[in-house]
Every structure is written in structure tokens, then in C-alpha cells.
């Protein structure tokens, strides 16, 4: 009987470890960016752990935006966010405290979404924006060829390409490279502008989180975002390698560009904004199983005495 109790205790601890691991693996984290009606970036790739707040049985854009407002908008989601079901399904009524009759947009991983009820998955990048003029839809979504880079060393240079969407005759999105766009770094103006192919190379001199955006005098664009962590513990070497840009299922562009390779000079800490990798869950499982074995051994020795 005593041996049975000991085994049951060990199994209970093992089950707890497995359950903790399962919970960690099931967590969905996305990154939310919001720009307001003044074209200011009010949220920049904010990490959001998504839950089914509207109880529709799935994780959606609506869930992510609601939670982002609940966490970051003064007064929470009740003050800053509203959605409702209309003629075309679930749509936005208020974003970042602005109600303008429905002149909003939202993209996931630089792809236009069909509605707030679109499902999302772990690691997705969600960008929502308010039209500066609710009656003027000549406001074009723009994006860099990457959303977030690997950590780089101080003074590393990163090549970027800026693209914006227009609508074709059939309503399809058409990609256009944006020339002469003015580059900003951490919200401050720089002397950098994109070339005729939308390309620019940005140098990062400040340690910590850095973000790049852009504005244009010729095209009214939604502000794009590229983020990178600058780590003083890294050293830099410059190489020339292919840079592949994939923006949708029908278009893939490959060019040759100068890229920055970083090597670790000391032990570095992973960014807290990085998508989960499951390593923590695996560690919990190992710890739990080790505890189970130890508990069973101690209880068995005690019973034998």
C-alpha cells in the first residue's frame, strides 16, 4: 500500500511538470503595432499574450487589439477600443481612442486582413492604423523587407528595402518600391533617404532596442517599422550575401546586399520581446521529472525502513 502511495505521488509530480510544459507550449504571443490619426507610432511591436476575450472559440485580430488596448491605452480597452458586427462581419468602431466612422486598416505579417475575426498564430506581427483623413483613402500601407532583425553590434549597418501597396485594376495589391523616403531612427529624423529601388542602409550606434521608420513627401504612407536590438557584447564583421525579400505568395525578389554578421564576445541575454522557443517549457519538464524521481526514491526508502 505504501509503495502504491509513493508511486502515485511521483506520478502526480510528473503530471504537473507535463501540464506546465503543455501550458507554455500553448501560449500565443503576437506583436502589435498601432499608428494613430496623426501618423504617430503609439505602439511598436508590443508583445501581447493572446486569449479568446470574445469567446468565439479562436484567437483573432480582435482579441489581440483588445488586449493591447487593455494593457497599454490609458483607461484600458473600455476607453480606447470598440468593435461590433456589421454588414461585413466584425469590424472596428474605435482604435486608440479615435472613432471616425470606420476608417481603419489592419495587416498581419504585411498581408491585408479580411476582418477582425481573422485567426492569428504565435509570432504574428499585427499592424493597425487610423486614416488621418477619414474621407481620404489615399493612405498606403508600407513596410520594410523585415520586421525584426537578429541582434547586432554597436555601429552595425543593416540594409533595408521600403515597399508600399497600391490597388490594381482588379482590386489586387500591387507592390511599389518607395524612392526618396525620409528615414527616421528611434523617432528622430536622419539624413538617410531611400534610393530609386527603395533601398537604404541604416547604421545603429545606440545600445538597446532601436526602431526604424519612414515618411514620404510624395506618397502618403502608413509608417513602417523595423526593430533590432543593439548589443555591445557583439562584434561586427561585414560580408556580402544574398538578401531575399518575400512579401506575398506571388512575388519573391532576390538581390545582393551588404549584410552584417555578428559574433558573440560575451554571454548575452535574449530579448524579452522575442517569440517563445519552448526552451523554458522543456526546462520545466526536466525539473519536474527530476523532482518526481527524487520524491519516489525518498518515499520508497522511508517505506522500506
C-alpha atoms as a PDB file:
ATOM      1  CA  UNK A   1       0.000   0.000   0.000  1.00  0.00           C
ATOM      2  CA  UNK A   2       2.822   2.371   0.976  1.00  0.00           C
ATOM      3  CA  UNK A   3       4.640   1.658  -2.292  1.00  0.00           C
ATOM      4  CA  UNK A   4       1.440   2.459  -4.203  1.00  0.00           C
ATOM      5  CA  UNK A   5       1.160   5.821  -2.441  1.00  0.00           C
ATOM      6  CA  UNK A   6       4.783   6.611  -3.260  1.00  0.00           C
ATOM      7  CA  UNK A   7       4.277   5.812  -6.934  1.00  0.00           C
ATOM      8  CA  UNK A   8       1.081   7.876  -7.024  1.00  0.00           C
ATOM      9  CA  UNK A   9       2.921  10.867  -5.575  1.00  0.00           C
ATOM     10  CA  UNK A  10       5.656  10.539  -8.181  1.00  0.00           C
ATOM     11  CA  UNK A  11       3.119  10.311 -10.995  1.00  0.00           C
ATOM     12  CA  UNK A  12       1.311  13.395  -9.680  1.00  0.00           C
ATOM     13  CA  UNK A  13       4.510  15.440  -9.760  1.00  0.00           C
ATOM     14  CA  UNK A  14       5.318  14.174 -13.266  1.00  0.00           C
ATOM     15  CA  UNK A  15       1.845  15.118 -14.459  1.00  0.00           C
ATOM     16  CA  UNK A  16       2.264  18.615 -13.012  1.00  0.00           C
ATOM     17  CA  UNK A  17       5.503  19.091 -14.947  1.00  0.00           C
ATOM     18  CA  UNK A  18       3.914  17.891 -18.185  1.00  0.00           C
ATOM     19  CA  UNK A  19       0.905  20.158 -17.649  1.00  0.00           C
ATOM     20  CA  UNK A  20       3.174  23.173 -17.086  1.00  0.00           C
ATOM     21  CA  UNK A  21       5.043  22.361 -20.288  1.00  0.00           C
ATOM     22  CA  UNK A  22       1.809  21.982 -22.236  1.00  0.00           C
ATOM     23  CA  UNK A  23       0.559  25.331 -20.963  1.00  0.00           C
ATOM     24  CA  UNK A  24       3.772  27.085 -22.018  1.00  0.00           C
ATOM     25  CA  UNK A  25       3.638  25.491 -25.470  1.00  0.00           C
ATOM     26  CA  UNK A  26       0.012  26.567 -25.966  1.00  0.00           C
ATOM     27  CA  UNK A  27       0.683  30.224 -25.150  1.00  0.00           C
ATOM     28  CA  UNK A  28       0.231  32.501 -28.165  1.00  0.00           C
ATOM     29  CA  UNK A  29       2.247  35.708 -28.306  1.00  0.00           C
ATOM     30  CA  UNK A  30       1.935  38.250 -31.118  1.00  0.00           C
ATOM     31  CA  UNK A  31       3.450  41.688 -31.708  1.00  0.00           C
ATOM     32  CA  UNK A  32       1.144  44.675 -32.130  1.00  0.00           C
ATOM     33  CA  UNK A  33       1.970  47.996 -33.797  1.00  0.00           C
ATOM     34  CA  UNK A  34      -0.530  50.869 -33.884  1.00  0.00           C
ATOM     35  CA  UNK A  35      -0.273  54.261 -35.588  1.00  0.00           C
ATOM     36  CA  UNK A  36      -2.792  56.994 -34.837  1.00  0.00           C
ATOM     37  CA  UNK A  37      -4.569  59.622 -36.937  1.00  0.00           C
ATOM     38  CA  UNK A  38      -1.501  61.868 -36.771  1.00  0.00           C
ATOM     39  CA  UNK A  39       0.633  59.054 -38.241  1.00  0.00           C
ATOM     40  CA  UNK A  40       2.467  58.675 -34.938  1.00  0.00           C
ATOM     41  CA  UNK A  41       3.546  55.210 -33.816  1.00  0.00           C
ATOM     42  CA  UNK A  42       1.813  54.790 -30.459  1.00  0.00           C
ATOM     43  CA  UNK A  43       2.614  51.079 -30.107  1.00  0.00           C
ATOM     44  CA  UNK A  44       5.702  49.499 -31.640  1.00  0.00           C
ATOM     45  CA  UNK A  45       5.769  45.718 -31.878  1.00  0.00           C
ATOM     46  CA  UNK A  46       4.288  45.407 -28.405  1.00  0.00           C
ATOM     47  CA  UNK A  47       4.358  41.744 -27.257  1.00  0.00           C
ATOM     48  CA  UNK A  48       0.822  40.599 -26.462  1.00  0.00           C
ATOM     49  CA  UNK A  49      -0.169  37.251 -24.998  1.00  0.00           C
ATOM     50  CA  UNK A  50      -3.474  36.494 -26.705  1.00  0.00           C
ATOM     51  CA  UNK A  51      -6.508  34.871 -25.117  1.00  0.00           C
ATOM     52  CA  UNK A  52     -10.014  34.389 -26.501  1.00  0.00           C
ATOM     53  CA  UNK A  53     -11.565  37.500 -24.965  1.00  0.00           C
ATOM     54  CA  UNK A  54     -14.726  37.396 -27.108  1.00  0.00           C
ATOM     55  CA  UNK A  55     -15.304  33.648 -26.566  1.00  0.00           C
ATOM     56  CA  UNK A  56     -15.662  32.841 -30.260  1.00  0.00           C
ATOM     57  CA  UNK A  57     -13.521  29.730 -29.939  1.00  0.00           C
ATOM     58  CA  UNK A  58     -10.456  31.088 -31.743  1.00  0.00           C
ATOM     59  CA  UNK A  59      -7.670  33.625 -31.371  1.00  0.00           C
ATOM     60  CA  UNK A  60      -8.208  36.592 -33.662  1.00  0.00           C
ATOM     61  CA  UNK A  61      -7.023  40.078 -34.553  1.00  0.00           C
ATOM     62  CA  UNK A  62      -9.861  41.398 -32.416  1.00  0.00           C
ATOM     63  CA  UNK A  63      -8.535  39.556 -29.365  1.00  0.00           C
ATOM     64  CA  UNK A  64      -5.012  40.900 -29.876  1.00  0.00           C
ATOM     65  CA  UNK A  65      -6.086  44.517 -30.390  1.00  0.00           C
ATOM     66  CA  UNK A  66      -8.462  44.415 -27.434  1.00  0.00           C
ATOM     67  CA  UNK A  67      -5.747  43.096 -25.108  1.00  0.00           C
ATOM     68  CA  UNK A  68      -3.204  45.591 -26.473  1.00  0.00           C
ATOM     69  CA  UNK A  69      -5.552  48.445 -25.553  1.00  0.00           C
ATOM     70  CA  UNK A  70      -6.361  46.883 -22.195  1.00  0.00           C
ATOM     71  CA  UNK A  71      -2.647  46.710 -21.403  1.00  0.00           C
ATOM     72  CA  UNK A  72      -1.325  49.944 -22.923  1.00  0.00           C
ATOM     73  CA  UNK A  73      -4.093  52.501 -23.531  1.00  0.00           C
ATOM     74  CA  UNK A  74      -4.931  54.858 -20.679  1.00  0.00           C
ATOM     75  CA  UNK A  75      -8.301  53.716 -19.378  1.00  0.00           C
ATOM     76  CA  UNK A  76      -7.926  50.293 -20.982  1.00  0.00           C
ATOM     77  CA  UNK A  77      -9.945  48.756 -23.787  1.00  0.00           C
ATOM     78  CA  UNK A  78     -13.174  50.259 -22.461  1.00  0.00           C
ATOM     79  CA  UNK A  79     -11.813  53.724 -23.211  1.00  0.00           C
ATOM     80  CA  UNK A  80      -9.789  53.096 -26.337  1.00  0.00           C
ATOM     81  CA  UNK A  81     -11.188  50.190 -28.330  1.00  0.00           C
ATOM     82  CA  UNK A  82     -14.509  49.074 -29.735  1.00  0.00           C
ATOM     83  CA  UNK A  83     -15.634  46.520 -32.306  1.00  0.00           C
ATOM     84  CA  UNK A  84     -19.022  45.315 -33.468  1.00  0.00           C
ATOM     85  CA  UNK A  85     -20.652  43.027 -36.012  1.00  0.00           C
ATOM     86  CA  UNK A  86     -21.941  44.882 -39.049  1.00  0.00           C
ATOM     87  CA  UNK A  87     -22.874  44.196 -42.658  1.00  0.00           C
ATOM     88  CA  UNK A  88     -19.404  42.867 -43.467  1.00  0.00           C
ATOM     89  CA  UNK A  89     -18.815  40.994 -40.245  1.00  0.00           C
ATOM     90  CA  UNK A  90     -16.791  42.027 -37.208  1.00  0.00           C
ATOM     91  CA  UNK A  91     -15.334  45.482 -37.741  1.00  0.00           C
ATOM     92  CA  UNK A  92     -13.615  48.322 -35.903  1.00  0.00           C
ATOM     93  CA  UNK A  93     -15.578  51.174 -34.340  1.00  0.00           C
ATOM     94  CA  UNK A  94     -12.776  52.713 -32.260  1.00  0.00           C
ATOM     95  CA  UNK A  95      -8.987  52.392 -32.362  1.00  0.00           C
ATOM     96  CA  UNK A  96      -6.637  54.064 -29.899  1.00  0.00           C
ATOM     97  CA  UNK A  97      -9.457  56.247 -28.655  1.00  0.00           C
ATOM     98  CA  UNK A  98     -10.441  57.514 -32.117  1.00  0.00           C
ATOM     99  CA  UNK A  99     -13.922  56.954 -33.581  1.00  0.00           C
ATOM    100  CA  UNK A 100     -14.074  58.071 -37.200  1.00  0.00           C
ATOM    101  CA  UNK A 101     -16.812  56.030 -38.822  1.00  0.00           C
ATOM    102  CA  UNK A 102     -14.713  53.007 -39.690  1.00  0.00           C
ATOM    103  CA  UNK A 103     -11.656  54.445 -41.449  1.00  0.00           C
ATOM    104  CA  UNK A 104      -9.093  51.988 -40.117  1.00  0.00           C
ATOM    105  CA  UNK A 105      -6.816  49.337 -41.530  1.00  0.00           C
ATOM    106  CA  UNK A 106      -5.028  46.284 -40.196  1.00  0.00           C
ATOM    107  CA  UNK A 107      -2.486  43.903 -41.673  1.00  0.00           C
ATOM    108  CA  UNK A 108      -0.950  40.678 -40.386  1.00  0.00           C
ATOM    109  CA  UNK A 109       2.629  39.942 -41.439  1.00  0.00           C
ATOM    110  CA  UNK A 110       2.262  42.672 -44.084  1.00  0.00           C
ATOM    111  CA  UNK A 111      -0.756  40.944 -45.640  1.00  0.00           C
ATOM    112  CA  UNK A 112      -4.099  42.734 -45.736  1.00  0.00           C
ATOM    113  CA  UNK A 113      -6.673  41.112 -43.469  1.00  0.00           C
ATOM    114  CA  UNK A 114     -10.262  40.446 -44.413  1.00  0.00           C
ATOM    115  CA  UNK A 115     -11.671  41.263 -40.991  1.00  0.00           C
ATOM    116  CA  UNK A 116     -11.112  41.404 -37.253  1.00  0.00           C
ATOM    117  CA  UNK A 117     -12.251  37.796 -36.959  1.00  0.00           C
ATOM    118  CA  UNK A 118      -9.245  36.542 -38.952  1.00  0.00           C
ATOM    119  CA  UNK A 119      -7.310  33.996 -36.922  1.00  0.00           C
ATOM    120  CA  UNK A 120      -3.776  34.693 -35.759  1.00  0.00           C
ATOM    121  CA  UNK A 121      -0.931  32.470 -34.581  1.00  0.00           C
ATOM    122  CA  UNK A 122       2.104  32.656 -32.356  1.00  0.00           C
ATOM    123  CA  UNK A 123       4.732  35.115 -33.595  1.00  0.00           C
ATOM    124  CA  UNK A 124       2.422  37.082 -35.918  1.00  0.00           C
ATOM    125  CA  UNK A 125       3.069  40.787 -36.495  1.00  0.00           C
ATOM    126  CA  UNK A 126      -0.146  42.824 -36.421  1.00  0.00           C
ATOM    127  CA  UNK A 127      -0.190  46.431 -37.608  1.00  0.00           C
ATOM    128  CA  UNK A 128      -3.311  48.557 -37.200  1.00  0.00           C
ATOM    129  CA  UNK A 129      -3.702  52.173 -38.251  1.00  0.00           C
ATOM    130  CA  UNK A 130      -6.142  55.069 -38.369  1.00  0.00           C
ATOM    131  CA  UNK A 131      -6.661  57.032 -41.578  1.00  0.00           C
ATOM    132  CA  UNK A 132      -5.546  60.647 -40.943  1.00  0.00           C
ATOM    133  CA  UNK A 133      -8.464  61.880 -43.032  1.00  0.00           C
ATOM    134  CA  UNK A 134     -11.458  59.527 -42.691  1.00  0.00           C
ATOM    135  CA  UNK A 135     -12.728  60.589 -46.129  1.00  0.00           C
ATOM    136  CA  UNK A 136      -9.410  60.204 -47.949  1.00  0.00           C
ATOM    137  CA  UNK A 137      -8.426  56.608 -48.618  1.00  0.00           C
ATOM    138  CA  UNK A 138      -5.237  57.556 -50.442  1.00  0.00           C
ATOM    139  CA  UNK A 139      -3.257  56.284 -47.484  1.00  0.00           C
ATOM    140  CA  UNK A 140      -0.923  53.459 -48.385  1.00  0.00           C
ATOM    141  CA  UNK A 141       0.390  50.639 -46.258  1.00  0.00           C
ATOM    142  CA  UNK A 142       4.185  50.486 -46.298  1.00  0.00           C
ATOM    143  CA  UNK A 143       6.700  48.037 -44.889  1.00  0.00           C
ATOM    144  CA  UNK A 144      10.369  47.156 -44.796  1.00  0.00           C
ATOM    145  CA  UNK A 145      11.664  43.822 -46.072  1.00  0.00           C
ATOM    146  CA  UNK A 146      11.994  42.671 -42.454  1.00  0.00           C
ATOM    147  CA  UNK A 147      10.064  43.378 -39.268  1.00  0.00           C
ATOM    148  CA  UNK A 148      12.715  42.484 -36.737  1.00  0.00           C
ATOM    149  CA  UNK A 149      16.380  41.672 -37.124  1.00  0.00           C
ATOM    150  CA  UNK A 150      18.768  39.489 -35.198  1.00  0.00           C
ATOM    151  CA  UNK A 151      20.775  41.324 -32.508  1.00  0.00           C
ATOM    152  CA  UNK A 152      23.650  43.360 -33.942  1.00  0.00           C
ATOM    153  CA  UNK A 153      26.773  45.048 -32.609  1.00  0.00           C
ATOM    154  CA  UNK A 154      27.139  48.763 -31.973  1.00  0.00           C
ATOM    155  CA  UNK A 155      27.703  50.648 -35.268  1.00  0.00           C
ATOM    156  CA  UNK A 156      26.420  47.720 -37.326  1.00  0.00           C
ATOM    157  CA  UNK A 157      24.897  48.607 -40.703  1.00  0.00           C
ATOM    158  CA  UNK A 158      21.708  46.930 -41.888  1.00  0.00           C
ATOM    159  CA  UNK A 159      20.331  47.155 -45.456  1.00  0.00           C
ATOM    160  CA  UNK A 160      16.569  47.679 -45.724  1.00  0.00           C
ATOM    161  CA  UNK A 161      14.116  47.971 -48.603  1.00  0.00           C
ATOM    162  CA  UNK A 162      10.913  50.014 -48.345  1.00  0.00           C
ATOM    163  CA  UNK A 163       7.786  48.956 -50.234  1.00  0.00           C
ATOM    164  CA  UNK A 164       4.224  50.262 -50.295  1.00  0.00           C
ATOM    165  CA  UNK A 165       0.966  48.855 -51.619  1.00  0.00           C
ATOM    166  CA  UNK A 166      -1.432  50.307 -54.147  1.00  0.00           C
ATOM    167  CA  UNK A 167      -4.521  48.658 -55.583  1.00  0.00           C
ATOM    168  CA  UNK A 168      -4.582  47.288 -59.115  1.00  0.00           C
ATOM    169  CA  UNK A 169      -7.452  47.358 -61.593  1.00  0.00           C
ATOM    170  CA  UNK A 170      -8.864  44.120 -60.171  1.00  0.00           C
ATOM    171  CA  UNK A 171      -8.523  45.231 -56.580  1.00  0.00           C
ATOM    172  CA  UNK A 172      -5.332  43.231 -56.056  1.00  0.00           C
ATOM    173  CA  UNK A 173      -2.490  44.657 -54.021  1.00  0.00           C
ATOM    174  CA  UNK A 174       0.415  45.897 -56.116  1.00  0.00           C
ATOM    175  CA  UNK A 175       3.889  46.331 -54.633  1.00  0.00           C
ATOM    176  CA  UNK A 176       5.841  49.514 -55.319  1.00  0.00           C
ATOM    177  CA  UNK A 177       9.342  50.396 -54.154  1.00  0.00           C
ATOM    178  CA  UNK A 178       9.339  53.786 -52.464  1.00  0.00           C
ATOM    179  CA  UNK A 179      12.101  56.190 -53.511  1.00  0.00           C
ATOM    180  CA  UNK A 180      13.193  59.323 -51.624  1.00  0.00           C
ATOM    181  CA  UNK A 181      11.508  58.319 -48.395  1.00  0.00           C
ATOM    182  CA  UNK A 182      12.968  60.011 -45.333  1.00  0.00           C
ATOM    183  CA  UNK A 183      14.257  57.577 -42.730  1.00  0.00           C
ATOM    184  CA  UNK A 184      13.769  58.102 -39.006  1.00  0.00           C
ATOM    185  CA  UNK A 185      15.655  56.278 -36.267  1.00  0.00           C
ATOM    186  CA  UNK A 186      14.078  55.918 -32.834  1.00  0.00           C
ATOM    187  CA  UNK A 187      11.598  58.638 -33.729  1.00  0.00           C
ATOM    188  CA  UNK A 188      14.255  61.146 -34.815  1.00  0.00           C
ATOM    189  CA  UNK A 189      14.961  62.468 -38.305  1.00  0.00           C
ATOM    190  CA  UNK A 190      18.123  61.335 -40.102  1.00  0.00           C
ATOM    191  CA  UNK A 191      19.858  62.365 -43.316  1.00  0.00           C
ATOM    192  CA  UNK A 192      19.055  58.992 -44.861  1.00  0.00           C
ATOM    193  CA  UNK A 193      16.686  58.597 -47.811  1.00  0.00           C
ATOM    194  CA  UNK A 194      15.785  55.556 -49.865  1.00  0.00           C
ATOM    195  CA  UNK A 195      17.179  55.204 -53.383  1.00  0.00           C
ATOM    196  CA  UNK A 196      15.161  54.584 -56.552  1.00  0.00           C
ATOM    197  CA  UNK A 197      14.761  50.933 -55.577  1.00  0.00           C
ATOM    198  CA  UNK A 198      13.539  51.771 -52.088  1.00  0.00           C
ATOM    199  CA  UNK A 199      16.840  50.705 -50.535  1.00  0.00           C
ATOM    200  CA  UNK A 200      18.720  52.274 -47.666  1.00  0.00           C
ATOM    201  CA  UNK A 201      21.432  51.191 -45.245  1.00  0.00           C
ATOM    202  CA  UNK A 202      20.959  52.177 -41.611  1.00  0.00           C
ATOM    203  CA  UNK A 203      23.749  52.359 -39.046  1.00  0.00           C
ATOM    204  CA  UNK A 204      22.856  51.563 -35.424  1.00  0.00           C
ATOM    205  CA  UNK A 205      25.028  53.313 -32.847  1.00  0.00           C
ATOM    206  CA  UNK A 206      22.846  53.215 -29.726  1.00  0.00           C
ATOM    207  CA  UNK A 207      22.785  50.148 -27.495  1.00  0.00           C
ATOM    208  CA  UNK A 208      19.388  48.675 -26.680  1.00  0.00           C
ATOM    209  CA  UNK A 209      16.177  48.459 -28.699  1.00  0.00           C
ATOM    210  CA  UNK A 210      16.178  50.521 -31.894  1.00  0.00           C
ATOM    211  CA  UNK A 211      13.427  51.072 -34.440  1.00  0.00           C
ATOM    212  CA  UNK A 212      13.440  52.468 -37.952  1.00  0.00           C
ATOM    213  CA  UNK A 213      10.506  54.136 -39.683  1.00  0.00           C
ATOM    214  CA  UNK A 214       9.972  56.365 -42.707  1.00  0.00           C
ATOM    215  CA  UNK A 215       7.895  59.187 -44.157  1.00  0.00           C
ATOM    216  CA  UNK A 216       7.436  60.457 -47.687  1.00  0.00           C
ATOM    217  CA  UNK A 217       6.577  63.790 -49.274  1.00  0.00           C
ATOM    218  CA  UNK A 218       5.318  62.130 -52.451  1.00  0.00           C
ATOM    219  CA  UNK A 219       3.275  59.199 -51.108  1.00  0.00           C
ATOM    220  CA  UNK A 220       1.001  59.275 -48.066  1.00  0.00           C
ATOM    221  CA  UNK A 221       2.180  56.139 -46.255  1.00  0.00           C
ATOM    222  CA  UNK A 222       1.349  54.283 -43.081  1.00  0.00           C
ATOM    223  CA  UNK A 223       4.581  54.429 -41.041  1.00  0.00           C
ATOM    224  CA  UNK A 224       6.589  51.202 -41.427  1.00  0.00           C
ATOM    225  CA  UNK A 225       8.609  49.660 -38.592  1.00  0.00           C
ATOM    226  CA  UNK A 226      11.825  47.676 -38.376  1.00  0.00           C
ATOM    227  CA  UNK A 227      13.191  46.748 -34.950  1.00  0.00           C
ATOM    228  CA  UNK A 228      16.592  45.486 -33.876  1.00  0.00           C
ATOM    229  CA  UNK A 229      18.438  45.019 -30.609  1.00  0.00           C
ATOM    230  CA  UNK A 230      21.925  46.535 -30.485  1.00  0.00           C
ATOM    231  CA  UNK A 231      24.136  44.520 -28.151  1.00  0.00           C
ATOM    232  CA  UNK A 232      27.505  45.985 -27.030  1.00  0.00           C
ATOM    233  CA  UNK A 233      28.694  42.429 -26.312  1.00  0.00           C
ATOM    234  CA  UNK A 234      28.725  41.643 -30.036  1.00  0.00           C
ATOM    235  CA  UNK A 235      31.434  42.405 -32.571  1.00  0.00           C
ATOM    236  CA  UNK A 236      30.785  43.210 -36.224  1.00  0.00           C
ATOM    237  CA  UNK A 237      32.095  41.826 -39.495  1.00  0.00           C
ATOM    238  CA  UNK A 238      30.703  42.951 -42.837  1.00  0.00           C
ATOM    239  CA  UNK A 239      30.001  40.478 -45.637  1.00  0.00           C
ATOM    240  CA  UNK A 240      28.171  40.490 -48.940  1.00  0.00           C
ATOM    241  CA  UNK A 241      25.356  37.974 -49.132  1.00  0.00           C
ATOM    242  CA  UNK A 242      22.039  37.466 -50.916  1.00  0.00           C
ATOM    243  CA  UNK A 243      19.145  39.271 -49.292  1.00  0.00           C
ATOM    244  CA  UNK A 244      15.825  37.597 -50.044  1.00  0.00           C
ATOM    245  CA  UNK A 245      12.612  39.528 -49.684  1.00  0.00           C
ATOM    246  CA  UNK A 246       9.312  37.658 -49.637  1.00  0.00           C
ATOM    247  CA  UNK A 247       6.163  39.723 -49.304  1.00  0.00           C
ATOM    248  CA  UNK A 248       3.338  37.635 -50.705  1.00  0.00           C
ATOM    249  CA  UNK A 249       2.624  34.309 -52.317  1.00  0.00           C
ATOM    250  CA  UNK A 250       3.134  35.609 -55.831  1.00  0.00           C
ATOM    251  CA  UNK A 251       6.198  37.832 -55.512  1.00  0.00           C
ATOM    252  CA  UNK A 252       9.709  36.980 -54.328  1.00  0.00           C
ATOM    253  CA  UNK A 253      12.612  39.319 -55.009  1.00  0.00           C
ATOM    254  CA  UNK A 254      16.255  38.340 -54.512  1.00  0.00           C
ATOM    255  CA  UNK A 255      19.034  40.924 -54.563  1.00  0.00           C
ATOM    256  CA  UNK A 256      22.631  41.128 -53.412  1.00  0.00           C
ATOM    257  CA  UNK A 257      23.258  43.392 -50.446  1.00  0.00           C
ATOM    258  CA  UNK A 258      25.809  44.051 -47.757  1.00  0.00           C
ATOM    259  CA  UNK A 259      24.739  42.415 -44.532  1.00  0.00           C
ATOM    260  CA  UNK A 260      26.133  42.462 -41.028  1.00  0.00           C
ATOM    261  CA  UNK A 261      27.337  39.332 -39.296  1.00  0.00           C
ATOM    262  CA  UNK A 262      27.642  39.393 -35.531  1.00  0.00           C
ATOM    263  CA  UNK A 263      29.651  37.195 -33.236  1.00  0.00           C
ATOM    264  CA  UNK A 264      29.251  36.843 -29.508  1.00  0.00           C
ATOM    265  CA  UNK A 265      32.003  38.395 -27.426  1.00  0.00           C
ATOM    266  CA  UNK A 266      30.385  37.548 -24.094  1.00  0.00           C
ATOM    267  CA  UNK A 267      27.345  35.728 -22.786  1.00  0.00           C
ATOM    268  CA  UNK A 268      24.275  37.667 -23.876  1.00  0.00           C
ATOM    269  CA  UNK A 269      20.714  37.731 -22.611  1.00  0.00           C
ATOM    270  CA  UNK A 270      17.894  37.001 -25.045  1.00  0.00           C
ATOM    271  CA  UNK A 271      15.476  39.819 -25.748  1.00  0.00           C
ATOM    272  CA  UNK A 272      12.308  39.709 -23.697  1.00  0.00           C
ATOM    273  CA  UNK A 273      10.299  40.611 -26.814  1.00  0.00           C
ATOM    274  CA  UNK A 274      11.418  37.565 -28.776  1.00  0.00           C
ATOM    275  CA  UNK A 275       8.801  34.927 -29.634  1.00  0.00           C
ATOM    276  CA  UNK A 276       8.932  31.942 -27.299  1.00  0.00           C
ATOM    277  CA  UNK A 277      11.035  28.981 -28.331  1.00  0.00           C
ATOM    278  CA  UNK A 278       9.722  26.363 -25.938  1.00  0.00           C
ATOM    279  CA  UNK A 279      13.052  26.062 -24.097  1.00  0.00           C
ATOM    280  CA  UNK A 280      11.500  27.242 -20.849  1.00  0.00           C
ATOM    281  CA  UNK A 281       8.781  24.615 -21.117  1.00  0.00           C
ATOM    282  CA  UNK A 282      11.320  21.877 -21.733  1.00  0.00           C
ATOM    283  CA  UNK A 283      13.286  23.032 -18.693  1.00  0.00           C
ATOM    284  CA  UNK A 284      10.190  22.855 -16.530  1.00  0.00           C
ATOM    285  CA  UNK A 285       9.508  19.337 -17.725  1.00  0.00           C
ATOM    286  CA  UNK A 286      13.038  18.155 -16.899  1.00  0.00           C
ATOM    287  CA  UNK A 287      12.900  19.808 -13.482  1.00  0.00           C
ATOM    288  CA  UNK A 288       9.514  18.280 -12.740  1.00  0.00           C
ATOM    289  CA  UNK A 289      10.562  14.795 -13.805  1.00  0.00           C
ATOM    290  CA  UNK A 290      13.740  15.020 -11.756  1.00  0.00           C
ATOM    291  CA  UNK A 291      11.671  16.016  -8.746  1.00  0.00           C
ATOM    292  CA  UNK A 292       9.341  13.099  -9.333  1.00  0.00           C
ATOM    293  CA  UNK A 293      12.195  10.604  -9.387  1.00  0.00           C
ATOM    294  CA  UNK A 294      13.712  12.061  -6.226  1.00  0.00           C
ATOM    295  CA  UNK A 295      10.376  12.028  -4.398  1.00  0.00           C
ATOM    296  CA  UNK A 296       9.667   8.437  -5.344  1.00  0.00           C
ATOM    297  CA  UNK A 297      13.126   7.350  -4.181  1.00  0.00           C
ATOM    298  CA  UNK A 298      12.795   9.090  -0.803  1.00  0.00           C
ATOM    299  CA  UNK A 299       9.315   7.728  -0.155  1.00  0.00           C
ATOM    300  CA  UNK A 300      10.357   4.223  -1.126  1.00  0.00           C
ATOM    301  CA  UNK A 301      13.361   4.304   1.232  1.00  0.00           C
ATOM    302  CA  UNK A 302      11.131   5.555   4.017  1.00  0.00           C
ATOM    303  CA  UNK A 303       8.590   2.790   3.419  1.00  0.00           C
ATOM    304  CA  UNK A 304      11.273   0.120   3.394  1.00  0.00           C
ATOM    305  CA  UNK A 305      12.541   1.323   6.770  1.00  0.00           C
END
